[in-house]
PDB file of all heavy atoms in Angstrom:
ATOM      1  N   ARG A   1     191.107   3.206 127.680  1.00  0.00           N
ATOM      2  CA  ARG A   1     189.821   3.943 128.085  1.00  0.00           C
ATOM      3  C   ARG A   1     189.555   5.197 127.418  1.00  0.00           C
ATOM      4  O   ARG A   1     188.396   5.434 127.033  1.00  0.00           O
ATOM      5  CB  ARG A   1     189.941   3.988 129.706  1.00  0.00           C
ATOM      6  CG  ARG A   1     188.455   4.386 130.287  1.00  0.00           C
ATOM      7  CD  ARG A   1     188.683   4.427 131.692  1.00  0.00           C
ATOM      8  NE  ARG A   1     188.094   5.595 132.295  1.00  0.00           N
ATOM      9  CZ  ARG A   1     188.245   5.822 133.573  1.00  0.00           C
ATOM     10  NH1 ARG A   1     188.841   5.115 134.421  1.00  0.00           N
ATOM     11  NH2 ARG A   1     187.655   7.046 134.055  1.00  0.00           N
ATOM     12  N   GLU A   2     190.462   6.011 127.261  1.00  0.00           N
ATOM     13  CA  GLU A   2     190.355   7.256 126.545  1.00  0.00           C
ATOM     14  C   GLU A   2     190.076   7.140 125.059  1.00  0.00           C
ATOM     15  O   GLU A   2     189.173   7.731 124.565  1.00  0.00           O
ATOM     16  CB  GLU A   2     191.661   8.075 126.708  1.00  0.00           C
ATOM     17  CG  GLU A   2     191.611   9.452 126.087  1.00  0.00           C
ATOM     18  CD  GLU A   2     190.676  10.468 126.754  1.00  0.00           C
ATOM     19  OE1 GLU A   2     190.106  10.103 127.778  1.00  0.00           O
ATOM     20  OE2 GLU A   2     190.462  11.484 126.046  1.00  0.00           O
ATOM     21  N   ILE A   3     190.678   6.123 124.415  1.00  0.00           N
ATOM     22  CA  ILE A   3     190.278   5.779 123.016  1.00  0.00           C
ATOM     23  C   ILE A   3     188.864   5.348 122.908  1.00  0.00           C
ATOM     24  O   ILE A   3     188.162   5.909 122.012  1.00  0.00           O
ATOM     25  CB  ILE A   3     191.267   4.797 122.490  1.00  0.00           C
ATOM     26  CG1 ILE A   3     192.715   5.355 122.398  1.00  0.00           C
ATOM     27  CG2 ILE A   3     190.786   4.259 121.187  1.00  0.00           C
ATOM     28  CD1 ILE A   3     193.785   4.373 122.131  1.00  0.00           C
ATOM     29  N   VAL A   4     188.526   4.556 123.817  1.00  0.00           N
ATOM     30  CA  VAL A   4     187.048   3.972 123.875  1.00  0.00           C
ATOM     31  C   VAL A   4     186.152   5.185 123.985  1.00  0.00           C
ATOM     32  O   VAL A   4     185.000   5.381 123.423  1.00  0.00           O
ATOM     33  CB  VAL A   4     186.804   2.768 124.789  1.00  0.00           C
ATOM     34  CG1 VAL A   4     185.408   2.591 125.012  1.00  0.00           C
ATOM     35  CG2 VAL A   4     187.654   1.679 124.391  1.00  0.00           C
ATOM     36  N   ARG A   5     186.382   6.044 124.890  1.00  0.00           N
ATOM     37  CA  ARG A   5     185.486   7.186 125.135  1.00  0.00           C
ATOM     38  C   ARG A   5     185.445   8.120 124.022  1.00  0.00           C
ATOM     39  O   ARG A   5     184.273   8.540 123.630  1.00  0.00           O
ATOM     40  CB  ARG A   5     186.116   8.021 126.354  1.00  0.00           C
ATOM     41  CG  ARG A   5     185.178   9.121 126.931  1.00  0.00           C
ATOM     42  CD  ARG A   5     185.926  10.038 127.986  1.00  0.00           C
ATOM     43  NE  ARG A   5     187.082  10.659 127.419  1.00  0.00           N
ATOM     44  CZ  ARG A   5     187.033  11.822 126.617  1.00  0.00           C
ATOM     45  NH1 ARG A   5     185.856  12.240 126.343  1.00  0.00           N
ATOM     46  NH2 ARG A   5     188.093  12.449 126.216  1.00  0.00           N
ATOM     47  N   ILE A   6     186.521   8.412 123.362  1.00  0.00           N
ATOM     48  CA  ILE A   6     186.538   9.191 122.110  1.00  0.00           C
ATOM     49  C   ILE A   6     185.718   8.536 120.957  1.00  0.00           C
ATOM     50  O   ILE A   6     184.826   9.249 120.448  1.00  0.00           O
ATOM     51  CB  ILE A   6     188.013   9.545 121.678  1.00  0.00           C
ATOM     52  CG1 ILE A   6     188.614  10.441 122.645  1.00  0.00           C
ATOM     53  CG2 ILE A   6     187.952  10.201 120.276  1.00  0.00           C
ATOM     54  CD1 ILE A   6     190.177  10.547 122.452  1.00  0.00           C
ATOM     55  N   GLY A   7     185.875   7.297 120.864  1.00  0.00           N
ATOM     56  CA  GLY A   7     185.127   6.390 119.840  1.00  0.00           C
ATOM     57  C   GLY A   7     183.643   6.465 120.106  1.00  0.00           C
ATOM     58  O   GLY A   7     182.983   6.751 119.292  1.00  0.00           O
ATOM     59  N   ASN A   8     183.269   6.273 121.348  1.00  0.00           N
ATOM     60  CA  ASN A   8     181.884   6.390 121.745  1.00  0.00           C
ATOM     61  C   ASN A   8     181.241   7.671 121.439  1.00  0.00           C
ATOM     62  O   ASN A   8     180.144   7.736 120.885  1.00  0.00           O
ATOM     63  CB  ASN A   8     181.604   5.929 123.221  1.00  0.00           C
ATOM     64  CG  ASN A   8     181.961   4.409 123.411  1.00  0.00           C
ATOM     65  OD1 ASN A   8     181.783   3.657 122.647  1.00  0.00           O
ATOM     66  ND2 ASN A   8     182.183   4.089 124.794  1.00  0.00           N
ATOM     67  N   ARG A   9     181.887   8.688 121.888  1.00  0.00           N
ATOM     68  CA  ARG A   9     181.413  10.039 121.513  1.00  0.00           C
ATOM     69  C   ARG A   9     181.235  10.263 120.054  1.00  0.00           C
ATOM     70  O   ARG A   9     180.180  10.869 119.658  1.00  0.00           O
ATOM     71  CB  ARG A   9     182.366  11.027 122.122  1.00  0.00           C
ATOM     72  CG  ARG A   9     181.896  12.478 121.971  1.00  0.00           C
ATOM     73  CD  ARG A   9     182.844  13.516 122.560  1.00  0.00           C
ATOM     74  NE  ARG A   9     182.944  13.398 124.079  1.00  0.00           N
ATOM     75  CZ  ARG A   9     183.774  13.766 124.876  1.00  0.00           C
ATOM     76  NH1 ARG A   9     184.847  14.687 124.270  1.00  0.00           N
ATOM     77  NH2 ARG A   9     183.829  13.629 126.187  1.00  0.00           N
ATOM     78  N   ALA A  10     182.282   9.845 119.218  1.00  0.00           N
ATOM     79  CA  ALA A  10     182.130  10.015 117.808  1.00  0.00           C
ATOM     80  C   ALA A  10     180.953   9.276 117.253  1.00  0.00           C
ATOM     81  O   ALA A  10     180.213   9.854 116.336  1.00  0.00           O
ATOM     82  CB  ALA A  10     183.420   9.614 117.201  1.00  0.00           C
ATOM     83  N   VAL A  11     180.668   8.113 117.672  1.00  0.00           N
ATOM     84  CA  VAL A  11     179.534   7.213 117.208  1.00  0.00           C
ATOM     85  C   VAL A  11     178.277   8.003 117.546  1.00  0.00           C
ATOM     86  O   VAL A  11     177.328   8.092 116.731  1.00  0.00           O
ATOM     87  CB  VAL A  11     179.589   5.852 117.751  1.00  0.00           C
ATOM     88  CG1 VAL A  11     178.330   5.077 117.534  1.00  0.00           C
ATOM     89  CG2 VAL A  11     180.815   5.037 117.150  1.00  0.00           C
ATOM     90  N   LYS A  12     178.131   8.437 118.841  1.00  0.00           N
ATOM     91  CA  LYS A  12     176.833   9.023 119.244  1.00  0.00           C
ATOM     92  C   LYS A  12     176.667  10.269 118.341  1.00  0.00           C
ATOM     93  O   LYS A  12     175.454  10.626 117.950  1.00  0.00           O
ATOM     94  CB  LYS A  12     176.918   9.394 120.639  1.00  0.00           C
ATOM     95  CG  LYS A  12     176.724   8.168 121.674  1.00  0.00           C
ATOM     96  CD  LYS A  12     176.839   8.512 123.068  1.00  0.00           C
ATOM     97  CE  LYS A  12     176.714   7.367 123.879  1.00  0.00           C
ATOM     98  NZ  LYS A  12     175.580   6.777 124.151  1.00  0.00           N
ATOM     99  N   LYS A  13     177.664  11.034 118.000  1.00  0.00           N
ATOM    100  CA  LYS A  13     177.458  12.226 117.226  1.00  0.00           C
ATOM    101  C   LYS A  13     177.104  11.862 115.841  1.00  0.00           C
ATOM    102  O   LYS A  13     176.096  12.464 115.250  1.00  0.00           O
ATOM    103  CB  LYS A  13     178.752  13.039 117.199  1.00  0.00           C
ATOM    104  CG  LYS A  13     178.815  14.222 116.350  1.00  0.00           C
ATOM    105  CD  LYS A  13     180.140  14.980 116.361  1.00  0.00           C
ATOM    106  CE  LYS A  13     179.929  16.208 115.479  1.00  0.00           C
ATOM    107  NZ  LYS A  13     181.306  16.690 114.999  1.00  0.00           N
ATOM    108  N   ALA A  14     177.692  10.877 115.301  1.00  0.00           N
ATOM    109  CA  ALA A  14     177.369  10.377 113.911  1.00  0.00           C
ATOM    110  C   ALA A  14     175.834   9.903 113.883  1.00  0.00           C
ATOM    111  O   ALA A  14     175.183  10.153 112.958  1.00  0.00           O
ATOM    112  CB  ALA A  14     178.383   9.351 113.452  1.00  0.00           C
ATOM    113  N   GLN A  15     175.455   9.115 114.851  1.00  0.00           N
ATOM    114  CA  GLN A  15     174.044   8.655 114.915  1.00  0.00           C
ATOM    115  C   GLN A  15     173.137   9.865 114.929  1.00  0.00           C
ATOM    116  O   GLN A  15     172.101   9.877 114.311  1.00  0.00           O
ATOM    117  CB  GLN A  15     173.799   7.686 116.124  1.00  0.00           C
ATOM    118  CG  GLN A  15     174.567   6.427 115.986  1.00  0.00           C
ATOM    119  CD  GLN A  15     174.629   5.621 117.295  1.00  0.00           C
ATOM    120  OE1 GLN A  15     174.579   6.167 118.406  1.00  0.00           O
ATOM    121  NE2 GLN A  15     174.626   4.264 117.196  1.00  0.00           N
ATOM    122  N   LYS A  16     173.335  10.805 115.824  1.00  0.00           N
ATOM    123  CA  LYS A  16     172.599  11.894 115.944  1.00  0.00           C
ATOM    124  C   LYS A  16     172.367  12.736 114.669  1.00  0.00           C
ATOM    125  O   LYS A  16     171.312  13.154 114.182  1.00  0.00           O
ATOM    126  CB  LYS A  16     173.024  12.837 117.041  1.00  0.00           C
ATOM    127  CG  LYS A  16     172.228  14.174 117.284  1.00  0.00           C
ATOM    128  CD  LYS A  16     172.793  14.950 118.393  1.00  0.00           C
ATOM    129  CE  LYS A  16     171.980  16.142 118.600  1.00  0.00           C
ATOM    130  NZ  LYS A  16     172.546  17.432 118.583  1.00  0.00           N
ATOM    131  N   GLU A  17     173.546  12.886 114.004  1.00  0.00           N
ATOM    132  CA  GLU A  17     173.566  13.684 112.671  1.00  0.00           C
ATOM    133  C   GLU A  17     172.750  12.870 111.611  1.00  0.00           C
ATOM    134  O   GLU A  17     172.053  13.483 110.864  1.00  0.00           O
ATOM    135  CB  GLU A  17     175.077  13.844 112.199  1.00  0.00           C
ATOM    136  CG  GLU A  17     175.800  14.936 113.106  1.00  0.00           C
ATOM    137  CD  GLU A  17     177.250  14.953 112.739  1.00  0.00           C
ATOM    138  OE1 GLU A  17     177.698  14.178 111.792  1.00  0.00           O
ATOM    139  OE2 GLU A  17     177.968  15.837 113.354  1.00  0.00           O
ATOM    140  N   SER A  18     172.863  11.631 111.463  1.00  0.00           N
ATOM    141  CA  SER A  18     172.154  10.818 110.650  1.00  0.00           C
ATOM    142  C   SER A  18     170.696  10.914 110.844  1.00  0.00           C
ATOM    143  O   SER A  18     169.883  11.218 109.861  1.00  0.00           O
ATOM    144  CB  SER A  18     172.494   9.268 110.839  1.00  0.00           C
ATOM    145  OG  SER A  18     173.856   9.066 110.383  1.00  0.00           O
ATOM    146  N   LEU A  19     170.192  10.802 112.066  1.00  0.00           N
ATOM    147  CA  LEU A  19     168.783  10.981 112.338  1.00  0.00           C
ATOM    148  C   LEU A  19     168.346  12.432 111.977  1.00  0.00           C
ATOM    149  O   LEU A  19     167.150  12.541 111.367  1.00  0.00           O
ATOM    150  CB  LEU A  19     168.487  10.661 113.744  1.00  0.00           C
ATOM    151  CG  LEU A  19     168.674   9.323 114.247  1.00  0.00           C
ATOM    152  CD1 LEU A  19     168.492   9.171 115.807  1.00  0.00           C
ATOM    153  CD2 LEU A  19     167.784   8.354 113.465  1.00  0.00           C
ATOM    154  N   GLU A  20     169.098  13.450 112.269  1.00  0.00           N
ATOM    155  CA  GLU A  20     168.751  14.895 111.942  1.00  0.00           C
ATOM    156  C   GLU A  20     168.752  15.048 110.331  1.00  0.00           C
ATOM    157  O   GLU A  20     167.874  15.763 109.886  1.00  0.00           O
ATOM    158  CB  GLU A  20     169.830  15.794 112.325  1.00  0.00           C
ATOM    159  CG  GLU A  20     169.792  15.913 113.842  1.00  0.00           C
ATOM    160  CD  GLU A  20     170.854  16.741 114.521  1.00  0.00           C
ATOM    161  OE1 GLU A  20     171.905  17.080 113.817  1.00  0.00           O
ATOM    162  OE2 GLU A  20     170.849  17.035 115.825  1.00  0.00           O
ATOM    163  N   MET A  21     169.387  14.159 109.658  1.00  0.00           N
ATOM    164  CA  MET A  21     169.315  14.218 108.155  1.00  0.00           C
ATOM    165  C   MET A  21     168.289  13.235 107.526  1.00  0.00           C
ATOM    166  O   MET A  21     168.089  13.208 106.322  1.00  0.00           O
ATOM    167  CB  MET A  21     170.709  13.872 107.612  1.00  0.00           C
ATOM    168  CG  MET A  21     171.719  14.932 107.779  1.00  0.00           C
ATOM    169  SD  MET A  21     173.356  14.586 106.926  1.00  0.00           S
ATOM    170  CE  MET A  21     173.917  13.081 107.600  1.00  0.00           C
ATOM    171  N   GLY A  22     167.487  12.652 108.506  1.00  0.00           N
ATOM    172  CA  GLY A  22     166.451  11.684 108.046  1.00  0.00           C
ATOM    173  C   GLY A  22     166.915  10.445 107.664  1.00  0.00           C
ATOM    174  O   GLY A  22     166.125   9.747 107.032  1.00  0.00           O
ATOM    175  N   ILE A  23     168.001   9.985 108.066  1.00  0.00           N
ATOM    176  CA  ILE A  23     168.628   8.697 107.813  1.00  0.00           C
ATOM    177  C   ILE A  23     168.540   7.814 108.917  1.00  0.00           C
ATOM    178  O   ILE A  23     169.104   8.071 110.016  1.00  0.00           O
ATOM    179  CB  ILE A  23     170.153   8.832 107.303  1.00  0.00           C
ATOM    180  CG1 ILE A  23     170.292   9.779 106.120  1.00  0.00           C
ATOM    181  CG2 ILE A  23     170.689   7.345 107.062  1.00  0.00           C
ATOM    182  CD1 ILE A  23     171.720  10.246 105.777  1.00  0.00           C
ATOM    183  N   PRO A  24     167.864   6.717 108.718  1.00  0.00           N
ATOM    184  CA  PRO A  24     167.663   5.769 109.923  1.00  0.00           C
ATOM    185  C   PRO A  24     169.073   5.190 110.387  1.00  0.00           C
ATOM    186  O   PRO A  24     169.747   4.829 109.457  1.00  0.00           O
ATOM    187  CB  PRO A  24     166.706   4.543 109.369  1.00  0.00           C
ATOM    188  CG  PRO A  24     166.082   5.267 108.174  1.00  0.00           C
ATOM    189  CD  PRO A  24     166.995   6.202 107.671  1.00  0.00           C
ATOM    190  N   ASN A  25     169.151   4.767 111.664  1.00  0.00           N
ATOM    191  CA  ASN A  25     170.345   4.171 112.157  1.00  0.00           C
ATOM    192  C   ASN A  25     170.126   2.762 112.307  1.00  0.00           C
ATOM    193  O   ASN A  25     168.945   2.240 112.228  1.00  0.00           O
ATOM    194  CB  ASN A  25     170.779   4.597 113.607  1.00  0.00           C
ATOM    195  CG  ASN A  25     171.171   6.074 113.574  1.00  0.00           C
ATOM    196  OD1 ASN A  25     172.064   6.412 112.742  1.00  0.00           O
ATOM    197  ND2 ASN A  25     170.870   6.832 114.529  1.00  0.00           N
ATOM    198  N   VAL A  26     171.114   1.919 111.924  1.00  0.00           N
ATOM    199  CA  VAL A  26     171.000   0.443 111.797  1.00  0.00           C
ATOM    200  C   VAL A  26     171.689  -0.203 112.829  1.00  0.00           C
ATOM    201  O   VAL A  26     172.945   0.139 113.167  1.00  0.00           O
ATOM    202  CB  VAL A  26     171.473  -0.091 110.463  1.00  0.00           C
ATOM    203  CG1 VAL A  26     171.195  -1.572 110.413  1.00  0.00           C
ATOM    204  CG2 VAL A  26     170.891   0.586 109.252  1.00  0.00           C
ATOM    205  N   TYR A  27     171.163  -1.280 113.531  1.00  0.00           N
ATOM    206  CA  TYR A  27     171.699  -2.008 114.671  1.00  0.00           C
ATOM    207  C   TYR A  27     171.504  -3.430 114.469  1.00  0.00           C
ATOM    208  O   TYR A  27     170.610  -3.834 113.881  1.00  0.00           O
ATOM    209  CB  TYR A  27     171.191  -1.558 116.022  1.00  0.00           C
ATOM    210  CG  TYR A  27     171.241  -0.146 116.278  1.00  0.00           C
ATOM    211  CD1 TYR A  27     170.219   0.833 116.038  1.00  0.00           C
ATOM    212  CD2 TYR A  27     172.444   0.517 116.908  1.00  0.00           C
ATOM    213  CE1 TYR A  27     170.250   2.129 116.308  1.00  0.00           C
ATOM    214  CE2 TYR A  27     172.430   1.880 117.169  1.00  0.00           C
ATOM    215  CZ  TYR A  27     171.478   2.729 116.841  1.00  0.00           C
ATOM    216  OH  TYR A  27     171.487   4.038 117.089  1.00  0.00           O
ATOM    217  N   SER A  28     172.300  -4.301 115.100  1.00  0.00           N
ATOM    218  CA  SER A  28     172.214  -5.610 114.953  1.00  0.00           C
ATOM    219  C   SER A  28     172.286  -6.230 116.439  1.00  0.00           C
ATOM    220  O   SER A  28     173.175  -5.856 117.086  1.00  0.00           O
ATOM    221  CB  SER A  28     173.191  -6.308 114.127  1.00  0.00           C
ATOM    222  OG  SER A  28     173.065  -7.761 114.183  1.00  0.00           O
ATOM    223  N   LEU A  29     171.306  -7.014 116.854  1.00  0.00           N
ATOM    224  CA  LEU A  29     171.403  -7.703 118.165  1.00  0.00           C
ATOM    225  C   LEU A  29     171.104  -9.098 117.933  1.00  0.00           C
ATOM    226  O   LEU A  29     169.971  -9.480 117.664  1.00  0.00           O
ATOM    227  CB  LEU A  29     170.422  -7.033 119.129  1.00  0.00           C
ATOM    228  CG  LEU A  29     170.378  -7.487 120.488  1.00  0.00           C
ATOM    229  CD1 LEU A  29     171.700  -7.296 121.237  1.00  0.00           C
ATOM    230  CD2 LEU A  29     169.225  -6.816 121.334  1.00  0.00           C
ATOM    231  N   ASN A  30     171.936  -9.968 118.369  1.00  0.00           N
ATOM    232  CA  ASN A  30     171.798 -11.457 118.192  1.00  0.00           C
ATOM    233  C   ASN A  30     171.375 -11.758 116.742  1.00  0.00           C
ATOM    234  O   ASN A  30     170.544 -12.665 116.636  1.00  0.00           O
ATOM    235  CB  ASN A  30     170.748 -11.882 119.103  1.00  0.00           C
ATOM    236  CG  ASN A  30     171.224 -11.763 120.675  1.00  0.00           C
ATOM    237  OD1 ASN A  30     172.399 -11.868 120.930  1.00  0.00           O
ATOM    238  ND2 ASN A  30     170.337 -11.432 121.521  1.00  0.00           N
ATOM    239  N   GLY A  31     171.898 -11.137 115.744  1.00  0.00           N
ATOM    240  CA  GLY A  31     171.649 -11.509 114.353  1.00  0.00           C
ATOM    241  C   GLY A  31     170.275 -10.801 113.917  1.00  0.00           C
ATOM    242  O   GLY A  31     170.082 -11.125 112.754  1.00  0.00           O
ATOM    243  N   VAL A  32     169.563 -10.070 114.626  1.00  0.00           N
ATOM    244  CA  VAL A  32     168.306  -9.479 114.141  1.00  0.00           C
ATOM    245  C   VAL A  32     168.696  -7.949 113.927  1.00  0.00           C
ATOM    246  O   VAL A  32     169.393  -7.329 114.679  1.00  0.00           O
ATOM    247  CB  VAL A  32     167.229  -9.556 115.145  1.00  0.00           C
ATOM    248  CG1 VAL A  32     166.041  -8.817 114.771  1.00  0.00           C
ATOM    249  CG2 VAL A  32     166.913 -11.004 115.594  1.00  0.00           C
ATOM    250  N   ILE A  33     168.332  -7.497 112.780  1.00  0.00           N
ATOM    251  CA  ILE A  33     168.546  -6.180 112.309  1.00  0.00           C
ATOM    252  C   ILE A  33     167.514  -5.240 112.856  1.00  0.00           C
ATOM    253  O   ILE A  33     166.199  -5.485 112.674  1.00  0.00           O
ATOM    254  CB  ILE A  33     168.922  -5.965 110.893  1.00  0.00           C
ATOM    255  CG1 ILE A  33     170.058  -6.792 110.296  1.00  0.00           C
ATOM    256  CG2 ILE A  33     168.957  -4.523 110.420  1.00  0.00           C
ATOM    257  CD1 ILE A  33     170.368  -6.842 108.994  1.00  0.00           C
ATOM    258  N   PHE A  34     167.823  -4.122 113.500  1.00  0.00           N
ATOM    259  CA  PHE A  34     166.836  -3.103 114.000  1.00  0.00           C
ATOM    260  C   PHE A  34     167.186  -1.862 113.244  1.00  0.00           C
ATOM    261  O   PHE A  34     168.425  -1.584 113.026  1.00  0.00           O
ATOM    262  CB  PHE A  34     166.936  -2.971 115.445  1.00  0.00           C
ATOM    263  CG  PHE A  34     166.490  -4.287 116.260  1.00  0.00           C
ATOM    264  CD1 PHE A  34     167.417  -5.188 116.582  1.00  0.00           C
ATOM    265  CD2 PHE A  34     165.189  -4.322 116.659  1.00  0.00           C
ATOM    266  CE1 PHE A  34     167.072  -6.319 117.258  1.00  0.00           C
ATOM    267  CE2 PHE A  34     164.840  -5.447 117.332  1.00  0.00           C
ATOM    268  CZ  PHE A  34     165.822  -6.404 117.620  1.00  0.00           C
ATOM    269  N   TYR A  35     166.131  -0.852 113.105  1.00  0.00           N
ATOM    270  CA  TYR A  35     166.343   0.331 112.435  1.00  0.00           C
ATOM    271  C   TYR A  35     165.746   1.401 113.443  1.00  0.00           C
ATOM    272  O   TYR A  35     164.616   1.218 113.913  1.00  0.00           O
ATOM    273  CB  TYR A  35     165.592   0.384 111.200  1.00  0.00           C
ATOM    274  CG  TYR A  35     166.078  -0.572 110.161  1.00  0.00           C
ATOM    275  CD1 TYR A  35     165.546  -1.830 110.067  1.00  0.00           C
ATOM    276  CD2 TYR A  35     167.190  -0.215 109.350  1.00  0.00           C
ATOM    277  CE1 TYR A  35     165.914  -2.766 109.085  1.00  0.00           C
ATOM    278  CE2 TYR A  35     167.558  -1.192 108.386  1.00  0.00           C
ATOM    279  CZ  TYR A  35     166.933  -2.404 108.228  1.00  0.00           C
ATOM    280  OH  TYR A  35     167.392  -3.393 107.384  1.00  0.00           O
ATOM    281  N   GLN A  36     166.467   2.432 113.643  1.00  0.00           N
ATOM    282  CA  GLN A  36     165.994   3.571 114.574  1.00  0.00           C
ATOM    283  C   GLN A  36     165.634   4.603 113.538  1.00  0.00           C
ATOM    284  O   GLN A  36     166.476   5.320 112.839  1.00  0.00           O
ATOM    285  CB  GLN A  36     167.052   4.012 115.472  1.00  0.00           C
ATOM    286  CG  GLN A  36     166.571   5.201 116.360  1.00  0.00           C
ATOM    287  CD  GLN A  36     167.633   5.749 117.117  1.00  0.00           C
ATOM    288  OE1 GLN A  36     168.821   5.683 116.950  1.00  0.00           O
ATOM    289  NE2 GLN A  36     167.309   6.557 118.114  1.00  0.00           N
ATOM    290  N   LEU A  37     164.324   4.865 113.485  1.00  0.00           N
ATOM    291  CA  LEU A  37     163.834   5.942 112.526  1.00  0.00           C
ATOM    292  C   LEU A  37     164.112   7.354 113.108  1.00  0.00           C
ATOM    293  O   LEU A  37     164.243   7.504 114.282  1.00  0.00           O
ATOM    294  CB  LEU A  37     162.344   5.694 112.190  1.00  0.00           C
ATOM    295  CG  LEU A  37     162.112   4.318 111.717  1.00  0.00           C
ATOM    296  CD1 LEU A  37     160.582   4.132 111.399  1.00  0.00           C
ATOM    297  CD2 LEU A  37     162.857   3.871 110.437  1.00  0.00           C
ATOM    298  N   PRO A  38     164.115   8.337 112.285  1.00  0.00           N
ATOM    299  CA  PRO A  38     164.351   9.730 112.661  1.00  0.00           C
ATOM    300  C   PRO A  38     163.340  10.251 113.772  1.00  0.00           C
ATOM    301  O   PRO A  38     163.634  11.057 114.540  1.00  0.00           O
ATOM    302  CB  PRO A  38     164.212  10.573 111.441  1.00  0.00           C
ATOM    303  CG  PRO A  38     164.764   9.541 110.490  1.00  0.00           C
ATOM    304  CD  PRO A  38     164.124   8.252 110.709  1.00  0.00           C
ATOM    305  N   ASP A  39     162.128   9.610 113.741  1.00  0.00           N
ATOM    306  CA  ASP A  39     161.137   9.967 114.749  1.00  0.00           C
ATOM    307  C   ASP A  39     161.194   9.287 116.152  1.00  0.00           C
ATOM    308  O   ASP A  39     160.568   9.417 117.102  1.00  0.00           O
ATOM    309  CB  ASP A  39     159.745   9.731 114.308  1.00  0.00           C
ATOM    310  CG  ASP A  39     159.320   8.397 114.053  1.00  0.00           C
ATOM    311  OD1 ASP A  39     160.081   7.427 114.389  1.00  0.00           O
ATOM    312  OD2 ASP A  39     158.202   8.060 113.668  1.00  0.00           O
ATOM    313  N   GLY A  40     162.365   8.416 116.190  1.00  0.00           N
ATOM    314  CA  GLY A  40     162.699   7.642 117.465  1.00  0.00           C
ATOM    315  C   GLY A  40     162.106   6.233 117.430  1.00  0.00           C
ATOM    316  O   GLY A  40     162.534   5.499 118.267  1.00  0.00           O
ATOM    317  N   THR A  41     161.313   5.848 116.548  1.00  0.00           N
ATOM    318  CA  THR A  41     160.638   4.526 116.364  1.00  0.00           C
ATOM    319  C   THR A  41     161.845   3.583 116.271  1.00  0.00           C
ATOM    320  O   THR A  41     162.742   3.687 115.361  1.00  0.00           O
ATOM    321  CB  THR A  41     159.687   4.403 115.232  1.00  0.00           C
ATOM    322  OG1 THR A  41     158.669   5.430 115.549  1.00  0.00           O
ATOM    323  CG2 THR A  41     158.977   3.127 115.112  1.00  0.00           C
ATOM    324  N   ILE A  42     161.733   2.332 116.817  1.00  0.00           N
ATOM    325  CA  ILE A  42     162.596   1.338 116.620  1.00  0.00           C
ATOM    326  C   ILE A  42     161.785   0.205 115.925  1.00  0.00           C
ATOM    327  O   ILE A  42     160.710  -0.152 116.414  1.00  0.00           O
ATOM    328  CB  ILE A  42     163.248   0.549 117.871  1.00  0.00           C
ATOM    329  CG1 ILE A  42     163.906   1.807 118.725  1.00  0.00           C
ATOM    330  CG2 ILE A  42     164.092  -0.486 117.637  1.00  0.00           C
ATOM    331  CD1 ILE A  42     165.169   2.293 118.157  1.00  0.00           C
TER     332      ILE A  42
END
């Protein structure tokens, strides 16, 4: 549980930093690729 908590925190930090640098985050759900743009648009 502690390892998962640390990993989740690190991922959220990296996602936030990417958006702050203007780099969209990429996600996949059921084989569909989604992008989260720095302005929050999905």
